[in-house]
Amino acid sequence: MSVGSSSRTEFTFSFRAPEGETVEFKDRPGAFYERPRWEDHRATTPYRGGSEVPSAELKHTFLIAAPPEEVFAHLAEPSHYVGLSPLLVAVRDVRRSGGTVHYTAVERFRFLGVLRHDNIIDVTLVAVSDGLPQSAEISGEVRSPGRVRMSYRFTIDRHEAGCVVTDTLHLRTPPGLLRFAASQAGAVQQARARVLTARLARPA
């Protein structure tokens, strides 16, 4: 894994099967820009009324040539997520309460290059810096229309060349939406690593 070069970042997509078996798909170094392969391994979690909600966990780990303090500060500020996630075009209504931040984000979708749809999502962000300068963590919850829910966590660990960032997403969707939501989330993870590296990586 080379510092500042997202094209060699390794990432893993994991799905927990209903029987409890974990199935992992690891893309080879250099395959950063390839779309992940999908298999019919679905996780289910209990939902109201005894039904189950499909869920999936995606994990993407990459190395960036920047100290943990800088990466943590960048990811702890809601306004920095504009452009960090390709669809995110605005952050508003930021409300802070202790170490927790609540805000509204706007995702913009375009269809056929003409039609536009803005998806309004509620986001919670919790930044924990107790482990700095060695490590830090940022986590939270995203609530989207259509009962799509996503928990996220960034763990940041010091490395001799900067720091290692692990971007973990846990998706929960109504039946029939998991494959699409997971595909979109995986693409966002890849783009986020590229943008974060471009913003923060120090020249070699």
Protein backbone atom coordinates (compact mmCIF):
# COMPACT_ATOMS: atom_id res chain seq x y z
CA MET A 1 0.00 0.00 0.00
CA SER A 2 1.73 3.20 -1.07
CA VAL A 3 1.24 6.48 0.74
CA GLY A 4 -0.95 9.03 -0.99
CA SER A 5 -1.78 6.65 -3.85
CA SER A 6 -5.43 5.62 -3.66
CA SER A 7 -4.98 3.32 -6.66
CA ARG A 8 -3.25 0.82 -4.37
CA THR A 9 -5.65 1.00 -1.49
CA GLU A 10 -7.03 -2.34 -0.35
CA PHE A 11 -10.63 -2.63 0.72
CA THR A 12 -12.93 -5.34 1.97
CA PHE A 13 -16.68 -5.79 1.67
CA SER A 14 -18.18 -8.12 4.28
CA PHE A 15 -21.67 -9.55 4.53
CA ARG A 16 -22.98 -11.59 7.44
CA ALA A 17 -25.17 -14.44 6.26
CA PRO A 18 -28.32 -15.33 8.20
CA GLU A 19 -26.63 -18.44 9.58
CA GLY A 20 -23.95 -16.23 11.16
CA GLU A 21 -21.23 -17.02 8.62
CA THR A 22 -19.14 -14.05 7.53
CA VAL A 23 -18.29 -13.87 3.84
CA GLU A 24 -15.57 -11.45 2.75
CA PHE A 25 -14.54 -10.21 -0.68
CA LYS A 26 -11.06 -8.65 -0.89
CA ASP A 27 -10.08 -6.75 -4.01
CA ARG A 28 -6.47 -6.98 -5.03
CA PRO A 29 -4.15 -3.94 -4.67
CA GLY A 30 -4.52 -1.76 -7.73
CA ALA A 31 -8.20 -2.61 -8.19
CA PHE A 32 -9.40 0.50 -6.35
CA TYR A 33 -11.44 1.79 -9.25
CA GLU A 34 -13.25 -1.46 -9.97
CA ARG A 35 -16.84 -1.95 -8.93
CA PRO A 36 -17.21 -4.55 -6.15
CA ARG A 37 -18.70 -7.93 -6.93
CA TRP A 38 -21.99 -8.73 -5.22
CA GLU A 39 -23.23 -12.07 -3.98
CA ASP A 40 -26.61 -13.04 -2.56
CA HIS A 41 -25.46 -13.11 1.06
CA ARG A 42 -27.93 -11.03 3.03
CA ALA A 43 -27.94 -10.20 6.71
CA THR A 44 -31.19 -9.71 8.55
CA THR A 45 -31.89 -7.88 11.78
CA PRO A 46 -35.14 -7.88 13.78
CA TYR A 47 -37.66 -5.17 12.98
CA ARG A 48 -40.99 -4.15 14.44
CA GLY A 49 -43.76 -6.67 14.13
CA GLY A 50 -41.36 -9.61 13.99
CA SER A 51 -40.23 -8.97 10.42
CA GLU A 52 -36.57 -8.67 9.45
CA VAL A 53 -34.60 -5.89 7.78
CA PRO A 54 -31.85 -6.74 5.25
CA SER A 55 -28.48 -5.30 6.25
CA ALA A 56 -24.87 -5.29 5.07
CA GLU A 57 -21.52 -4.10 6.40
CA LEU A 58 -18.90 -2.51 4.13
CA LYS A 59 -15.36 -1.85 5.31
CA HIS A 60 -12.72 0.15 3.43
CA THR A 61 -9.21 0.66 4.84
CA PHE A 62 -6.63 3.02 3.34
CA LEU A 63 -3.40 4.78 4.22
CA ILE A 64 -3.02 8.55 4.03
CA ALA A 65 0.14 10.66 4.46
CA ALA A 66 -1.28 12.94 7.13
CA PRO A 67 -1.21 12.78 10.95
CA PRO A 68 -4.27 11.49 12.83
CA GLU A 69 -4.94 14.92 14.34
CA GLU A 70 -5.46 16.51 10.91
CA VAL A 71 -7.64 13.71 9.56
CA PHE A 72 -9.73 13.70 12.73
CA ALA A 73 -10.25 17.48 12.65
CA HIS A 74 -11.32 17.32 9.02
CA LEU A 75 -13.83 14.50 9.51
CA ALA A 76 -15.22 16.04 12.71
CA GLU A 77 -16.48 19.14 10.86
CA PRO A 78 -19.83 18.63 9.05
CA SER A 79 -19.15 21.26 6.37
CA HIS A 80 -16.13 19.28 5.16
CA TYR A 81 -18.40 16.45 3.96
CA VAL A 82 -19.62 18.59 1.07
CA GLY A 83 -17.69 17.17 -1.87
CA LEU A 84 -16.15 14.46 0.31
CA SER A 85 -19.13 12.31 -0.59
CA PRO A 86 -19.86 12.79 -4.31
CA LEU A 87 -23.62 13.27 -3.95
CA LEU A 88 -23.49 15.62 -0.96
CA VAL A 89 -24.02 19.23 -2.04
CA ALA A 90 -25.02 21.03 1.16
CA VAL A 91 -24.94 20.85 4.96
CA ARG A 92 -27.30 22.97 7.05
CA ASP A 93 -29.02 23.27 10.42
CA VAL A 94 -25.89 22.25 12.36
CA ARG A 95 -26.69 21.75 16.05
CA ARG A 96 -24.01 20.91 18.62
CA SER A 97 -24.59 19.29 21.99
CA GLY A 98 -21.44 18.35 23.87
CA GLY A 99 -19.48 15.92 21.71
CA THR A 100 -22.46 15.18 19.48
CA VAL A 101 -23.38 17.09 16.33
CA HIS A 102 -26.74 16.88 14.54
CA TYR A 103 -27.17 18.30 11.06
CA THR A 104 -29.15 18.05 7.85
CA ALA A 105 -27.40 17.06 4.63
CA VAL A 106 -28.61 17.33 1.04
CA GLU A 107 -27.79 14.60 -1.49
CA ARG A 108 -28.42 15.56 -5.11
CA PHE A 109 -29.31 12.97 -7.74
CA ARG A 110 -29.58 13.70 -11.45
CA PHE A 111 -31.50 11.51 -13.86
CA LEU A 112 -30.80 11.53 -17.59
CA GLY A 113 -28.60 14.55 -17.00
CA VAL A 114 -31.64 16.80 -16.67
CA LEU A 115 -34.04 15.79 -13.89
CA ARG A 116 -32.87 16.66 -10.36
CA HIS A 117 -33.90 15.16 -7.04
CA ASP A 118 -32.65 16.37 -3.64
CA ASN A 119 -32.60 13.74 -0.91
CA ILE A 120 -32.76 15.29 2.58
CA ILE A 121 -31.05 13.20 5.27
CA ASP A 122 -30.61 13.60 9.02
CA VAL A 123 -27.09 12.95 10.30
CA THR A 124 -25.64 12.45 13.77
CA LEU A 125 -21.87 12.75 14.30
CA VAL A 126 -19.93 11.83 17.44
CA ALA A 127 -16.22 12.68 17.55
CA VAL A 128 -14.01 10.94 20.13
CA SER A 129 -10.45 12.31 20.37
CA ASP A 130 -9.39 10.71 23.68
CA GLY A 131 -6.78 8.50 21.99
CA LEU A 132 -4.93 11.27 20.13
CA PRO A 133 -2.19 11.63 19.04
CA GLN A 134 -2.23 7.86 18.45
CA SER A 135 -5.84 7.20 17.48
CA ALA A 136 -9.31 8.69 17.22
CA GLU A 137 -12.82 7.71 16.15
CA ILE A 138 -15.78 9.38 14.52
CA SER A 139 -19.13 7.63 14.34
CA GLY A 140 -22.78 8.34 13.81
CA GLU A 141 -26.07 7.53 12.16
CA VAL A 142 -27.66 8.57 8.87
CA ARG A 143 -31.44 8.50 8.45
CA SER A 144 -32.71 8.72 4.88
CA PRO A 145 -36.25 8.71 3.47
CA GLY A 146 -37.74 5.31 2.72
CA ARG A 147 -36.56 3.74 6.01
CA VAL A 148 -32.96 3.48 4.83
CA ARG A 149 -30.61 3.66 7.82
CA MET A 150 -26.83 3.69 7.92
CA SER A 151 -24.43 3.60 10.85
CA TYR A 152 -20.92 4.76 10.05
CA ARG A 153 -17.56 4.74 11.82
CA PHE A 154 -14.13 6.13 10.94
CA THR A 155 -11.25 4.76 12.99
CA ILE A 156 -7.98 6.63 12.61
CA ASP A 157 -4.72 5.01 13.74
CA ARG A 158 -1.24 6.46 13.60
CA HIS A 159 1.16 4.90 11.10
CA GLU A 160 4.83 5.61 10.44
CA ALA A 161 3.82 7.15 7.11
CA GLY A 162 0.81 9.08 8.41
CA CYS A 163 -2.31 7.24 9.50
CA VAL A 164 -4.56 4.33 8.57
CA VAL A 165 -8.24 5.15 8.17
CA THR A 166 -10.90 2.44 8.34
CA ASP A 167 -14.25 3.53 6.95
CA THR A 168 -17.02 1.15 8.09
CA LEU A 169 -20.68 1.38 7.03
CA HIS A 170 -23.57 -0.72 8.29
CA LEU A 171 -26.66 -0.46 6.09
CA ARG A 172 -30.25 -1.41 6.93
CA THR A 173 -32.92 -1.17 4.26
CA PRO A 174 -36.43 -2.35 3.49
CA PRO A 175 -36.55 -5.57 1.41
CA GLY A 176 -35.50 -5.07 -2.19
CA LEU A 177 -33.28 -2.02 -1.64
CA LEU A 178 -30.15 -3.51 -0.08
CA ARG A 179 -28.25 -4.30 -3.30
CA PHE A 180 -28.76 -0.80 -4.72
CA ALA A 181 -27.99 0.96 -1.42
CA ALA A 182 -24.85 -1.11 -0.82
CA SER A 183 -23.61 -0.48 -4.35
CA GLN A 184 -24.04 3.28 -3.92
CA ALA A 185 -22.40 3.22 -0.47
CA GLY A 186 -19.41 1.26 -1.80
CA ALA A 187 -18.87 3.80 -4.57
CA VAL A 188 -19.05 6.63 -2.03
CA GLN A 189 -16.41 4.94 0.15
CA GLN A 190 -14.01 4.73 -2.78
CA ALA A 191 -14.55 8.36 -3.77
CA ARG A 192 -14.25 9.53 -0.17
CA ALA A 193 -10.80 7.96 0.17
CA ARG A 194 -9.61 9.64 -3.04
CA VAL A 195 -10.93 13.07 -2.05
CA LEU A 196 -9.66 12.86 1.53
CA THR A 197 -6.21 11.87 0.26
CA ALA A 198 -6.19 14.75 -2.24
CA ARG A 199 -7.19 17.22 0.46
CA LEU A 200 -4.88 16.17 3.27
CA ALA A 201 -1.96 14.06 2.05
CA ARG A 202 1.39 15.77 2.41
CA PRO A 203 3.90 15.67 -0.47
CA ALA A 204 6.43 12.86 -0.15
